[in-house]
Amino acid sequence: MALKNNRTVAISEQEKKQEHFIRIDELEWSEKSPQLVWLKGVEFPILLHRQIFTNKDDSIRILYLARSALYYKYMVDS
């Protein structure tokens, strides 16, 4: 699911409980790794991906994609 850059997330479960949320466009990103975050208003964690596109006119667009964190939990628990 695509998300707008003004959606807010917590970067840990503790920060979610303290209601400390930041915009997804303010997160520190590594190039290829998704981030495990808690989207405001959603009770479970999600994986957030960022894709950067360069258009034909050399302008840059950023797409934020959210998906279930179940796969991540499986990989961590294995």
C-alpha atoms as a PDB file:
ATOM      1  CA  MET A   1       0.000   0.000   0.000  1.00  0.00           C
ATOM      2  CA  ALA A   2       1.388   3.412  -0.911  1.00  0.00           C
ATOM      3  CA  LEU A   3       1.547   6.061   1.813  1.00  0.00           C
ATOM      4  CA  LYS A   4       1.760   9.840   1.631  1.00  0.00           C
ATOM      5  CA  ASN A   5       4.955  11.365   2.975  1.00  0.00           C
ATOM      6  CA  ASN A   6       3.098  13.192   5.751  1.00  0.00           C
ATOM      7  CA  ARG A   7       1.926   9.986   7.490  1.00  0.00           C
ATOM      8  CA  THR A   8       3.451   9.576  10.929  1.00  0.00           C
ATOM      9  CA  VAL A   9       5.126   6.556  12.473  1.00  0.00           C
ATOM     10  CA  ALA A  10       6.865   5.501  15.661  1.00  0.00           C
ATOM     11  CA  ILE A  11      10.209   3.762  15.236  1.00  0.00           C
ATOM     12  CA  SER A  12       9.738   1.445  18.223  1.00  0.00           C
ATOM     13  CA  GLU A  13       6.896  -0.020  20.222  1.00  0.00           C
ATOM     14  CA  GLN A  14       8.017   2.020  23.230  1.00  0.00           C
ATOM     15  CA  GLU A  15       7.863   5.263  21.218  1.00  0.00           C
ATOM     16  CA  LYS A  16       4.386   4.281  20.016  1.00  0.00           C
ATOM     17  CA  LYS A  17       3.260   3.866  23.641  1.00  0.00           C
ATOM     18  CA  GLN A  18       4.720   7.302  24.431  1.00  0.00           C
ATOM     19  CA  GLU A  19       2.934   8.683  21.331  1.00  0.00           C
ATOM     20  CA  HIS A  20       6.198   9.924  19.824  1.00  0.00           C
ATOM     21  CA  PHE A  21       5.526   9.918  16.070  1.00  0.00           C
ATOM     22  CA  ILE A  22       7.506  11.412  13.189  1.00  0.00           C
ATOM     23  CA  ARG A  23       6.713  11.894   9.508  1.00  0.00           C
ATOM     24  CA  ILE A  24       7.900   9.120   7.223  1.00  0.00           C
ATOM     25  CA  ASP A  25       9.823  11.593   5.067  1.00  0.00           C
ATOM     26  CA  GLU A  26      11.886  12.503   8.174  1.00  0.00           C
ATOM     27  CA  LEU A  27      13.086   8.949   8.829  1.00  0.00           C
ATOM     28  CA  GLU A  28      16.742   8.054   8.337  1.00  0.00           C
ATOM     29  CA  TRP A  29      16.906   5.553   5.490  1.00  0.00           C
ATOM     30  CA  SER A  30      19.499   3.082   4.352  1.00  0.00           C
ATOM     31  CA  GLU A  31      19.304   2.442   0.621  1.00  0.00           C
ATOM     32  CA  LYS A  32      17.874  -1.073   0.503  1.00  0.00           C
ATOM     33  CA  SER A  33      16.552  -1.915   3.942  1.00  0.00           C
ATOM     34  CA  PRO A  34      12.903  -1.477   4.898  1.00  0.00           C
ATOM     35  CA  GLN A  35      12.099  -0.079   8.314  1.00  0.00           C
ATOM     36  CA  LEU A  36       9.953  -1.755  10.934  1.00  0.00           C
ATOM     37  CA  VAL A  37       7.608   0.987  12.180  1.00  0.00           C
ATOM     38  CA  TRP A  38       4.292   1.518  13.924  1.00  0.00           C
ATOM     39  CA  LEU A  39       1.980   3.595  11.752  1.00  0.00           C
ATOM     40  CA  LYS A  40      -0.152   5.997  13.757  1.00  0.00           C
ATOM     41  CA  GLY A  41      -3.638   4.540  14.135  1.00  0.00           C
ATOM     42  CA  VAL A  42      -2.541   0.959  13.373  1.00  0.00           C
ATOM     43  CA  GLU A  43      -2.077  -1.493  16.244  1.00  0.00           C
ATOM     44  CA  PHE A  44       0.551  -3.756  14.662  1.00  0.00           C
ATOM     45  CA  PRO A  45       3.982  -3.018  13.153  1.00  0.00           C
ATOM     46  CA  ILE A  46       4.499  -2.684   9.419  1.00  0.00           C
ATOM     47  CA  LEU A  47       7.482  -2.773   7.101  1.00  0.00           C
ATOM     48  CA  LEU A  48       7.996   0.521   5.341  1.00  0.00           C
ATOM     49  CA  HIS A  49       9.935   0.660   2.072  1.00  0.00           C
ATOM     50  CA  ARG A  50      11.149   3.684   0.151  1.00  0.00           C
ATOM     51  CA  GLN A  51      11.650   3.729  -3.610  1.00  0.00           C
ATOM     52  CA  ILE A  52      13.301   6.633  -5.394  1.00  0.00           C
ATOM     53  CA  PHE A  53      12.508   7.272  -9.057  1.00  0.00           C
ATOM     54  CA  THR A  54      14.173   9.668 -11.473  1.00  0.00           C
ATOM     55  CA  ASN A  55      11.804  10.941 -14.144  1.00  0.00           C
ATOM     56  CA  LYS A  56      12.734  11.708 -17.759  1.00  0.00           C
ATOM     57  CA  ASP A  57      13.008  15.403 -16.865  1.00  0.00           C
ATOM     58  CA  ASP A  58      15.508  14.476 -14.069  1.00  0.00           C
ATOM     59  CA  SER A  59      13.027  15.318 -11.320  1.00  0.00           C
ATOM     60  CA  ILE A  60      13.008  12.870  -8.414  1.00  0.00           C
ATOM     61  CA  ARG A  61       9.940  11.195  -6.907  1.00  0.00           C
ATOM     62  CA  ILE A  62       9.848   9.150  -3.728  1.00  0.00           C
ATOM     63  CA  LEU A  63       7.313   6.395  -3.136  1.00  0.00           C
ATOM     64  CA  TYR A  64       6.680   5.028   0.353  1.00  0.00           C
ATOM     65  CA  LEU A  65       5.234   1.514   0.466  1.00  0.00           C
ATOM     66  CA  ALA A  66       3.860  -0.303   3.512  1.00  0.00           C
ATOM     67  CA  ARG A  67       3.430  -4.032   3.913  1.00  0.00           C
ATOM     68  CA  SER A  68       2.721  -6.513   6.653  1.00  0.00           C
ATOM     69  CA  ALA A  69       5.565  -7.201   9.062  1.00  0.00           C
ATOM     70  CA  LEU A  70       4.655 -10.895   9.371  1.00  0.00           C
ATOM     71  CA  TYR A  71       7.494 -11.926   7.038  1.00  0.00           C
ATOM     72  CA  TYR A  72       9.945  -9.837   9.070  1.00  0.00           C
ATOM     73  CA  LYS A  73       8.763 -11.437  12.309  1.00  0.00           C
ATOM     74  CA  TYR A  74       9.176 -14.897  10.778  1.00  0.00           C
ATOM     75  CA  MET A  75      12.748 -14.102   9.685  1.00  0.00           C
ATOM     76  CA  VAL A  76      13.701 -12.668  13.084  1.00  0.00           C
ATOM     77  CA  ASP A  77      12.147 -15.543  15.046  1.00  0.00           C
ATOM     78  CA  SER A  78      13.734 -18.276  12.867  1.00  0.00           C
END
